[in-house]
């Protein structure tokens, strides 16, 4: 059973599907979650606090999906090669950005009028929170540069495992290319074109061109 906090965040996210954030009312979010308005304020402090928590949750869920894509088997029974793992990350990134406006905004830095204003770290006038989850949310979401770096670094950490150190430089380049290619599809959609196919091709070309040792 979801906690009151999760129910409130679910209700706030659902409200964004049919009205702009400026039109979302705290009393309606509380009612949709089945809790009192006081509970909402106890959890988030303010509407801005709710926005920061919502954006942080969606960014965290996206990163969790990145880790899932990196470890997801491809059905062949064999260990997925780096190109396939990175292609899965690119596919997850594009699909999530297409369906989740908050993830798209955090990835690109472009916040439409229907979304909260870019959530910043809580200022001096923000109510103090003693809830660890809200303290983390109040620190503000990652910037696009920070989020892309987290995706790249998480991918590299998985791909480096068990591989010779001399492959690390090429793997780092492949991770950087894959993340930036995925972001290009988010910023400029390409219809039904498959971003994972392009990522696999770039990784295969890079592997073929990499110098061999030993």
Protein backbone atom coordinates (compact mmCIF):
# COMPACT_ATOMS: atom_id res chain seq x y z
CA UNK A 1 0.00 0.00 0.00
CA UNK A 2 1.50 3.38 -0.95
CA UNK A 3 2.37 5.86 1.75
CA UNK A 4 0.54 9.18 2.07
CA UNK A 5 3.55 10.86 0.48
CA UNK A 6 3.53 8.59 -2.56
CA UNK A 7 -0.25 8.93 -2.92
CA UNK A 8 0.09 12.72 -2.87
CA UNK A 9 2.84 12.66 -5.49
CA UNK A 10 0.76 10.33 -7.66
CA UNK A 11 -2.21 12.69 -7.37
CA UNK A 12 -0.08 15.72 -8.22
CA UNK A 13 1.39 14.00 -11.27
CA UNK A 14 -2.07 12.92 -12.44
CA UNK A 15 -3.33 16.49 -12.08
CA UNK A 16 -0.68 17.64 -14.56
CA UNK A 17 -2.25 15.50 -17.29
CA UNK A 18 -5.34 17.69 -17.48
CA UNK A 19 -4.36 21.12 -16.17
CA UNK A 20 -1.26 23.33 -15.90
CA UNK A 21 0.64 23.35 -12.63
CA UNK A 22 -0.55 26.91 -11.94
CA UNK A 23 -4.11 25.54 -11.87
CA UNK A 24 -3.39 22.61 -9.57
CA UNK A 25 -4.86 23.24 -6.12
CA UNK A 26 -3.42 21.70 -3.00
CA UNK A 27 -6.86 20.90 -1.60
CA UNK A 28 -7.68 18.93 -4.75
CA UNK A 29 -4.39 17.01 -4.61
CA UNK A 30 -5.08 16.08 -0.97
CA UNK A 31 -8.63 14.98 -1.78
CA UNK A 32 -7.47 12.85 -4.72
CA UNK A 33 -4.89 11.19 -2.47
CA UNK A 34 -7.47 10.56 0.25
CA UNK A 35 -5.64 12.56 2.93
CA UNK A 36 -6.12 15.89 4.65
CA UNK A 37 -4.66 19.11 3.34
CA UNK A 38 -2.71 19.38 6.60
CA UNK A 39 -1.04 16.05 5.83
CA UNK A 40 0.01 17.45 2.46
CA UNK A 41 1.56 20.51 4.08
CA UNK A 42 3.23 18.37 6.74
CA UNK A 43 4.91 16.34 3.98
CA UNK A 44 5.91 19.09 1.55
CA UNK A 45 5.61 22.43 3.35
CA UNK A 46 4.21 24.29 0.36
CA UNK A 47 3.13 23.90 -3.25
CA UNK A 48 6.71 24.68 -4.30
CA UNK A 49 7.89 21.91 -1.99
CA UNK A 50 5.43 19.52 -3.61
CA UNK A 51 6.76 20.51 -7.05
CA UNK A 52 10.36 19.91 -6.00
CA UNK A 53 9.47 16.51 -4.55
CA UNK A 54 7.54 15.53 -7.67
CA UNK A 55 10.38 16.48 -10.01
CA UNK A 56 12.93 14.70 -7.82
CA UNK A 57 10.83 11.54 -7.77
CA UNK A 58 10.45 11.48 -11.54
CA UNK A 59 14.18 12.08 -12.06
CA UNK A 60 15.00 9.26 -9.63
CA UNK A 61 12.55 6.91 -11.38
CA UNK A 62 14.20 7.71 -14.71
CA UNK A 63 17.65 6.89 -13.28
CA UNK A 64 16.32 3.65 -11.82
CA UNK A 65 15.06 2.78 -15.29
CA UNK A 66 18.51 3.48 -16.71
CA UNK A 67 20.00 0.94 -14.33
CA UNK A 68 17.27 -1.53 -15.27
CA UNK A 69 18.00 -1.04 -18.98
CA UNK A 70 21.70 -1.63 -18.41
CA UNK A 71 21.06 -4.95 -16.73
CA UNK A 72 18.13 -6.16 -18.80
CA UNK A 73 18.85 -9.35 -20.77
CA UNK A 74 18.16 -9.26 -24.50
CA UNK A 75 16.52 -12.70 -24.65
CA UNK A 76 19.47 -14.44 -26.28
CA UNK A 77 20.84 -15.88 -23.05
CA UNK A 78 24.21 -14.26 -23.74
CA UNK A 79 25.72 -11.37 -21.85
CA UNK A 80 24.58 -8.19 -23.69
CA UNK A 81 27.45 -6.33 -25.32
CA UNK A 82 28.03 -2.64 -24.53
CA UNK A 83 26.30 -1.50 -27.70
CA UNK A 84 23.10 -3.33 -26.81
CA UNK A 85 23.16 -2.11 -23.22
CA UNK A 86 23.65 1.49 -24.29
CA UNK A 87 20.99 1.11 -26.98
CA UNK A 88 18.57 0.01 -24.26
CA UNK A 89 19.45 3.11 -22.24
CA UNK A 90 18.87 5.34 -25.28
CA UNK A 91 15.53 3.68 -25.97
CA UNK A 92 14.46 4.08 -22.32
CA UNK A 93 15.50 7.73 -22.33
CA UNK A 94 13.56 8.62 -25.46
CA UNK A 95 10.44 6.65 -24.50
CA UNK A 96 10.36 8.13 -21.01
CA UNK A 97 10.88 11.69 -22.22
CA UNK A 98 8.05 11.28 -24.72
CA UNK A 99 5.56 10.22 -22.05
CA UNK A 100 6.80 12.10 -18.98
CA UNK A 101 6.97 15.90 -19.35
CA UNK A 102 8.88 16.32 -16.09
CA UNK A 103 11.65 13.94 -17.16
CA UNK A 104 11.81 15.69 -20.52
CA UNK A 105 12.13 19.05 -18.76
CA UNK A 106 14.91 17.85 -16.43
CA UNK A 107 16.80 16.28 -19.34
CA UNK A 108 16.59 19.34 -21.58
CA UNK A 109 16.18 22.28 -19.24
CA UNK A 110 13.10 23.41 -21.20
CA UNK A 111 10.12 23.98 -18.89
CA UNK A 112 6.81 24.62 -20.61
CA UNK A 113 4.07 26.82 -19.25
CA UNK A 114 2.09 23.80 -18.04
CA UNK A 115 4.86 22.64 -15.72
CA UNK A 116 6.09 24.07 -12.42
CA UNK A 117 8.66 26.81 -12.83
CA UNK A 118 12.10 25.13 -12.78
CA UNK A 119 12.26 23.89 -9.19
CA UNK A 120 15.18 25.52 -7.38
CA UNK A 121 16.76 24.68 -4.06
CA UNK A 122 14.64 25.89 -1.17
CA UNK A 123 15.47 29.47 -0.31
CA UNK A 124 15.65 31.23 3.02
CA UNK A 125 11.89 31.73 2.98
CA UNK A 126 11.12 28.05 2.49
CA UNK A 127 9.75 26.20 5.50
CA UNK A 128 12.28 23.86 7.06
CA UNK A 129 11.54 20.17 6.73
CA UNK A 130 12.59 17.41 9.08
CA UNK A 131 11.69 14.67 6.61
CA UNK A 132 14.81 13.24 4.90
CA UNK A 133 12.94 12.70 1.62
CA UNK A 134 11.79 16.31 1.54
CA UNK A 135 15.20 17.67 2.53
CA UNK A 136 16.62 15.85 -0.49
CA UNK A 137 13.88 17.18 -2.74
CA UNK A 138 14.37 20.72 -1.43
CA UNK A 139 18.01 20.57 -2.51
CA UNK A 140 16.66 20.85 -6.06
CA UNK A 141 16.68 18.48 -9.04
CA UNK A 142 19.81 17.76 -11.05
CA UNK A 143 20.58 20.11 -13.91
CA UNK A 144 20.59 18.61 -17.43
CA UNK A 145 24.39 18.48 -17.33
CA UNK A 146 24.34 16.73 -13.94
CA UNK A 147 21.65 14.26 -14.99
CA UNK A 148 23.41 13.30 -18.21
CA UNK A 149 26.65 12.85 -16.29
CA UNK A 150 24.89 10.53 -13.85
CA UNK A 151 23.52 8.43 -16.70
CA UNK A 152 26.94 8.27 -18.38
CA UNK A 153 28.74 7.38 -15.16
CA UNK A 154 26.23 4.69 -14.19
CA UNK A 155 26.50 3.14 -17.63
CA UNK A 156 30.28 3.20 -17.53
CA UNK A 157 30.36 1.62 -14.07
CA UNK A 158 28.30 -1.34 -15.37
CA UNK A 159 30.17 -1.73 -18.64
CA UNK A 160 33.64 -1.53 -17.09
CA UNK A 161 33.00 -4.44 -14.73
CA UNK A 162 35.24 -7.38 -15.59
CA UNK A 163 36.85 -5.69 -18.59
CA UNK A 164 40.52 -4.76 -19.10
CA UNK A 165 41.47 -1.26 -18.04
CA UNK A 166 42.68 -0.42 -21.53
CA UNK A 167 39.06 -0.63 -22.74
CA UNK A 168 37.88 1.99 -20.28
CA UNK A 169 38.64 4.99 -22.50
CA UNK A 170 36.68 3.60 -25.45
CA UNK A 171 33.80 2.58 -23.17
CA UNK A 172 33.68 6.09 -21.70
CA UNK A 173 33.46 7.55 -25.20
CA UNK A 174 30.68 5.14 -26.16
CA UNK A 175 28.70 6.04 -23.05
CA UNK A 176 29.05 9.76 -23.78
CA UNK A 177 28.01 9.30 -27.42
CA UNK A 178 25.01 7.13 -26.52
CA UNK A 179 23.69 9.59 -23.93
CA UNK A 180 24.06 12.58 -26.24
CA UNK A 181 22.47 10.76 -29.17
CA UNK A 182 19.50 9.86 -26.99
CA UNK A 183 19.16 13.48 -25.89
CA UNK A 184 19.19 14.63 -29.52
CA UNK A 185 16.12 12.44 -30.15
CA UNK A 186 14.44 13.98 -27.10
CA UNK A 187 15.09 17.55 -28.28
CA UNK A 188 14.32 16.86 -31.96
CA UNK A 189 11.95 13.87 -32.28
CA UNK A 190 12.56 11.68 -35.33
CA UNK A 191 9.17 10.05 -35.75
CA UNK A 192 9.28 6.27 -35.71
CA UNK A 193 13.06 6.10 -36.18
CA UNK A 194 14.72 3.88 -33.60
CA UNK A 195 17.46 5.64 -31.59
CA UNK A 196 18.81 2.34 -30.30
CA UNK A 197 19.73 1.30 -33.83
CA UNK A 198 21.91 4.37 -34.29
CA UNK A 199 23.55 3.86 -30.90
CA UNK A 200 24.41 0.24 -31.72
CA UNK A 201 25.91 1.30 -35.02
CA UNK A 202 28.06 4.01 -33.42
CA UNK A 203 29.27 1.65 -30.72
CA UNK A 204 30.11 -1.05 -33.28
CA UNK A 205 32.05 1.48 -35.38
CA UNK A 206 33.93 2.71 -32.33
CA UNK A 207 34.82 -0.82 -31.24
CA UNK A 208 36.08 -1.66 -34.72
CA UNK A 209 38.25 1.47 -34.86
CA UNK A 210 39.66 1.07 -31.33
CA UNK A 211 43.31 -0.03 -31.19
CA UNK A 212 43.89 -3.59 -30.06
CA UNK A 213 46.31 -4.48 -27.31
CA UNK A 214 48.15 -7.65 -26.47
